[in-house]
Amino acid sequence: MSRRTVFWSIRMETVTISPKFQVVIPKGIRERLKLRSGQKVQAILYDARIELVPVRPAKALKGFVKGIDTTIARHDDQL
């Protein structure tokens, strides 16, 4: 087993599509993802399912690659 802490777990709940093709994201999922009313999400069709991915401001990405190894071999034309 990995020493890495697993933050995400699979959580499946059934929701109903309204006559206006709207769905309500269950409260537990909204809280876990810290979603806010009016927040944008991207709807992605992936095989036979729909994935909703929260759109995060660029500011929220600060530091997400901290510690990445940037010492890779590059061709002269890529410097």
N, C-alpha and C. Protein backbone atom coordinates (compact mmCIF):
# COMPACT_ATOMS: atom_id res chain seq x y z
N MET A 1 0.83 -1.18 0.00
CA MET A 1 0.00 0.00 0.00
C MET A 1 0.88 1.25 0.00
N SER A 2 0.44 2.24 -0.69
CA SER A 2 1.20 3.48 -0.81
C SER A 2 1.19 4.26 0.50
N ARG A 3 2.29 5.01 0.74
CA ARG A 3 2.36 5.86 1.92
C ARG A 3 1.62 7.17 1.69
N ARG A 4 1.24 7.41 0.44
CA ARG A 4 0.53 8.62 0.08
C ARG A 4 -0.86 8.64 0.73
N THR A 5 -1.28 9.79 1.20
CA THR A 5 -2.61 9.92 1.78
C THR A 5 -3.63 10.05 0.66
N VAL A 6 -4.64 9.24 0.69
CA VAL A 6 -5.68 9.29 -0.33
C VAL A 6 -6.77 10.24 0.15
N PHE A 7 -6.97 11.33 -0.59
CA PHE A 7 -7.96 12.33 -0.22
C PHE A 7 -9.31 12.00 -0.83
N TRP A 8 -9.31 11.50 -2.04
CA TRP A 8 -10.56 11.25 -2.75
C TRP A 8 -10.99 9.80 -2.58
N SER A 9 -12.25 9.61 -2.47
CA SER A 9 -12.81 8.28 -2.47
C SER A 9 -14.00 8.31 -3.42
N ILE A 10 -14.43 7.16 -3.84
CA ILE A 10 -15.55 7.11 -4.77
C ILE A 10 -16.84 7.23 -3.97
N ARG A 11 -17.68 8.14 -4.40
CA ARG A 11 -18.96 8.34 -3.75
C ARG A 11 -20.00 8.44 -4.86
N MET A 12 -20.99 7.57 -4.80
CA MET A 12 -22.00 7.56 -5.86
C MET A 12 -23.37 7.77 -5.24
N GLU A 13 -24.10 8.71 -5.78
CA GLU A 13 -25.46 8.96 -5.35
C GLU A 13 -26.32 9.14 -6.59
N THR A 14 -27.58 8.80 -6.50
CA THR A 14 -28.51 8.93 -7.61
C THR A 14 -29.21 10.28 -7.51
N VAL A 15 -29.25 10.99 -8.63
CA VAL A 15 -29.95 12.27 -8.71
C VAL A 15 -30.96 12.18 -9.85
N THR A 16 -31.93 13.08 -9.84
CA THR A 16 -32.98 13.09 -10.85
C THR A 16 -32.80 14.29 -11.77
N ILE A 17 -32.99 14.07 -13.05
CA ILE A 17 -32.93 15.16 -14.03
C ILE A 17 -34.31 15.80 -14.09
N SER A 18 -34.36 17.12 -13.89
CA SER A 18 -35.63 17.84 -13.91
C SER A 18 -36.11 18.01 -15.35
N PRO A 19 -37.37 18.44 -15.54
CA PRO A 19 -37.86 18.70 -16.90
C PRO A 19 -37.03 19.75 -17.65
N LYS A 20 -36.30 20.60 -16.90
CA LYS A 20 -35.42 21.59 -17.53
C LYS A 20 -34.00 21.06 -17.66
N PHE A 21 -33.81 19.76 -17.48
CA PHE A 21 -32.50 19.09 -17.56
C PHE A 21 -31.52 19.60 -16.52
N GLN A 22 -32.01 19.93 -15.34
CA GLN A 22 -31.17 20.36 -14.23
C GLN A 22 -31.03 19.21 -13.23
N VAL A 23 -29.89 19.19 -12.53
CA VAL A 23 -29.68 18.22 -11.47
C VAL A 23 -29.18 18.96 -10.23
N VAL A 24 -29.45 18.41 -9.07
CA VAL A 24 -28.95 18.97 -7.82
C VAL A 24 -27.80 18.09 -7.36
N ILE A 25 -26.65 18.70 -7.13
CA ILE A 25 -25.49 17.97 -6.62
C ILE A 25 -25.75 17.73 -5.13
N PRO A 26 -25.71 16.47 -4.69
CA PRO A 26 -25.99 16.17 -3.29
C PRO A 26 -25.10 16.96 -2.33
N LYS A 27 -25.67 17.32 -1.17
CA LYS A 27 -25.00 18.18 -0.20
C LYS A 27 -23.64 17.64 0.22
N GLY A 28 -23.54 16.36 0.48
CA GLY A 28 -22.26 15.78 0.90
C GLY A 28 -21.16 15.98 -0.13
N ILE A 29 -21.51 15.85 -1.39
CA ILE A 29 -20.55 16.04 -2.47
C ILE A 29 -20.19 17.52 -2.60
N ARG A 30 -21.20 18.40 -2.51
CA ARG A 30 -20.93 19.85 -2.56
C ARG A 30 -19.98 20.27 -1.46
N GLU A 31 -20.21 19.75 -0.27
CA GLU A 31 -19.35 20.11 0.86
C GLU A 31 -17.94 19.56 0.69
N ARG A 32 -17.83 18.33 0.24
CA ARG A 32 -16.51 17.70 0.06
C ARG A 32 -15.66 18.45 -0.96
N LEU A 33 -16.32 18.94 -2.03
CA LEU A 33 -15.61 19.66 -3.09
C LEU A 33 -15.59 21.17 -2.85
N LYS A 34 -16.22 21.61 -1.77
CA LYS A 34 -16.30 23.05 -1.43
C LYS A 34 -16.90 23.86 -2.58
N LEU A 35 -17.98 23.35 -3.15
CA LEU A 35 -18.65 24.04 -4.24
C LEU A 35 -19.54 25.14 -3.67
N ARG A 36 -19.65 26.23 -4.42
CA ARG A 36 -20.47 27.36 -4.01
C ARG A 36 -21.59 27.58 -5.03
N SER A 37 -22.66 28.16 -4.59
CA SER A 37 -23.76 28.50 -5.48
C SER A 37 -23.25 29.48 -6.54
N GLY A 38 -23.59 29.23 -7.79
CA GLY A 38 -23.16 30.11 -8.88
C GLY A 38 -21.80 29.77 -9.46
N GLN A 39 -21.08 28.85 -8.81
CA GLN A 39 -19.75 28.47 -9.30
C GLN A 39 -19.88 27.73 -10.63
N LYS A 40 -18.93 27.93 -11.51
CA LYS A 40 -18.93 27.27 -12.82
C LYS A 40 -18.31 25.88 -12.71
N VAL A 41 -18.86 24.95 -13.50
CA VAL A 41 -18.28 23.62 -13.65
C VAL A 41 -18.21 23.31 -15.14
N GLN A 42 -17.26 22.51 -15.52
CA GLN A 42 -17.17 22.05 -16.91
C GLN A 42 -17.90 20.72 -17.00
N ALA A 43 -18.77 20.57 -17.99
CA ALA A 43 -19.47 19.31 -18.24
C ALA A 43 -18.71 18.59 -19.35
N ILE A 44 -18.20 17.41 -19.03
CA ILE A 44 -17.39 16.66 -19.98
C ILE A 44 -18.08 15.33 -20.28
N LEU A 45 -18.31 15.06 -21.55
CA LEU A 45 -18.85 13.77 -21.97
C LEU A 45 -17.68 12.81 -22.12
N TYR A 46 -17.68 11.77 -21.33
CA TYR A 46 -16.58 10.80 -21.34
C TYR A 46 -17.18 9.42 -21.48
N ASP A 47 -16.99 8.81 -22.66
CA ASP A 47 -17.63 7.55 -23.00
C ASP A 47 -19.14 7.69 -22.80
N ALA A 48 -19.72 6.93 -21.89
CA ALA A 48 -21.17 6.97 -21.69
C ALA A 48 -21.53 7.65 -20.38
N ARG A 49 -20.70 8.59 -19.93
CA ARG A 49 -21.01 9.29 -18.68
C ARG A 49 -20.70 10.78 -18.80
N ILE A 50 -21.24 11.53 -17.88
CA ILE A 50 -21.01 12.97 -17.81
C ILE A 50 -20.18 13.24 -16.56
N GLU A 51 -19.10 13.98 -16.70
CA GLU A 51 -18.29 14.36 -15.55
C GLU A 51 -18.40 15.87 -15.38
N LEU A 52 -18.64 16.30 -14.16
CA LEU A 52 -18.69 17.72 -13.85
C LEU A 52 -17.42 18.07 -13.10
N VAL A 53 -16.62 18.97 -13.67
CA VAL A 53 -15.34 19.33 -13.09
C VAL A 53 -15.39 20.80 -12.66
N PRO A 54 -15.21 21.08 -11.37
CA PRO A 54 -15.26 22.47 -10.92
C PRO A 54 -14.19 23.32 -11.60
N VAL A 55 -14.59 24.52 -12.02
CA VAL A 55 -13.65 25.48 -12.58
C VAL A 55 -13.07 26.25 -11.40
N ARG A 56 -11.77 26.19 -11.25
CA ARG A 56 -11.11 26.87 -10.14
C ARG A 56 -10.37 28.08 -10.67
N PRO A 57 -10.32 29.16 -9.91
CA PRO A 57 -9.56 30.33 -10.36
C PRO A 57 -8.07 30.00 -10.43
N ALA A 58 -7.37 30.68 -11.33
CA ALA A 58 -5.93 30.43 -11.50
C ALA A 58 -5.18 30.60 -10.19
N LYS A 59 -5.64 31.48 -9.34
CA LYS A 59 -5.00 31.72 -8.05
C LYS A 59 -4.97 30.44 -7.20
N ALA A 60 -5.99 29.60 -7.34
CA ALA A 60 -6.07 28.36 -6.56
C ALA A 60 -5.02 27.34 -7.00
N LEU A 61 -4.44 27.54 -8.17
CA LEU A 61 -3.43 26.60 -8.68
C LEU A 61 -2.02 26.91 -8.17
N LYS A 62 -1.87 28.03 -7.48
CA LYS A 62 -0.55 28.44 -7.01
C LYS A 62 0.09 27.34 -6.17
N GLY A 63 1.29 26.95 -6.58
CA GLY A 63 2.06 25.97 -5.81
C GLY A 63 1.72 24.53 -6.08
N PHE A 64 0.83 24.22 -7.03
CA PHE A 64 0.44 22.83 -7.21
C PHE A 64 1.55 21.97 -7.84
N VAL A 65 2.58 22.59 -8.40
CA VAL A 65 3.70 21.82 -8.95
C VAL A 65 4.97 21.99 -8.10
N LYS A 66 4.79 22.46 -6.90
CA LYS A 66 5.93 22.68 -6.02
C LYS A 66 6.69 21.36 -5.83
N GLY A 67 8.01 21.44 -6.00
CA GLY A 67 8.85 20.26 -5.82
C GLY A 67 8.99 19.40 -7.06
N ILE A 68 8.40 19.81 -8.19
CA ILE A 68 8.50 19.01 -9.40
C ILE A 68 9.94 19.02 -9.92
N ASP A 69 10.39 17.90 -10.42
CA ASP A 69 11.75 17.78 -10.95
C ASP A 69 11.78 18.38 -12.35
N THR A 70 12.49 19.47 -12.52
CA THR A 70 12.56 20.14 -13.82
C THR A 70 13.87 19.85 -14.54
N THR A 71 14.65 18.91 -14.03
CA THR A 71 15.94 18.57 -14.64
C THR A 71 15.75 17.45 -15.66
N ILE A 72 15.14 17.79 -16.79
CA ILE A 72 14.95 16.82 -17.85
C ILE A 72 15.85 17.18 -19.02
N ALA A 73 16.19 16.19 -19.81
CA ALA A 73 17.01 16.43 -21.00
C ALA A 73 16.19 17.19 -22.03
N ARG A 74 16.76 18.23 -22.59
CA ARG A 74 16.09 19.03 -23.61
C ARG A 74 16.95 19.11 -24.85
N HIS A 75 16.29 19.22 -25.99
CA HIS A 75 17.00 19.43 -27.24
C HIS A 75 17.41 20.91 -27.31
N ASP A 76 18.44 21.20 -28.07
CA ASP A 76 18.92 22.58 -28.17
C ASP A 76 17.82 23.54 -28.63
N ASP A 77 16.92 23.09 -29.49
CA ASP A 77 15.87 23.98 -29.99
C ASP A 77 14.74 24.19 -28.98
N GLN A 78 14.81 23.55 -27.81
CA GLN A 78 13.76 23.69 -26.80
C GLN A 78 14.22 24.52 -25.60
N LEU A 79 15.37 25.14 -25.69
CA LEU A 79 15.86 25.93 -24.56
C LEU A 79 15.28 27.30 -24.54
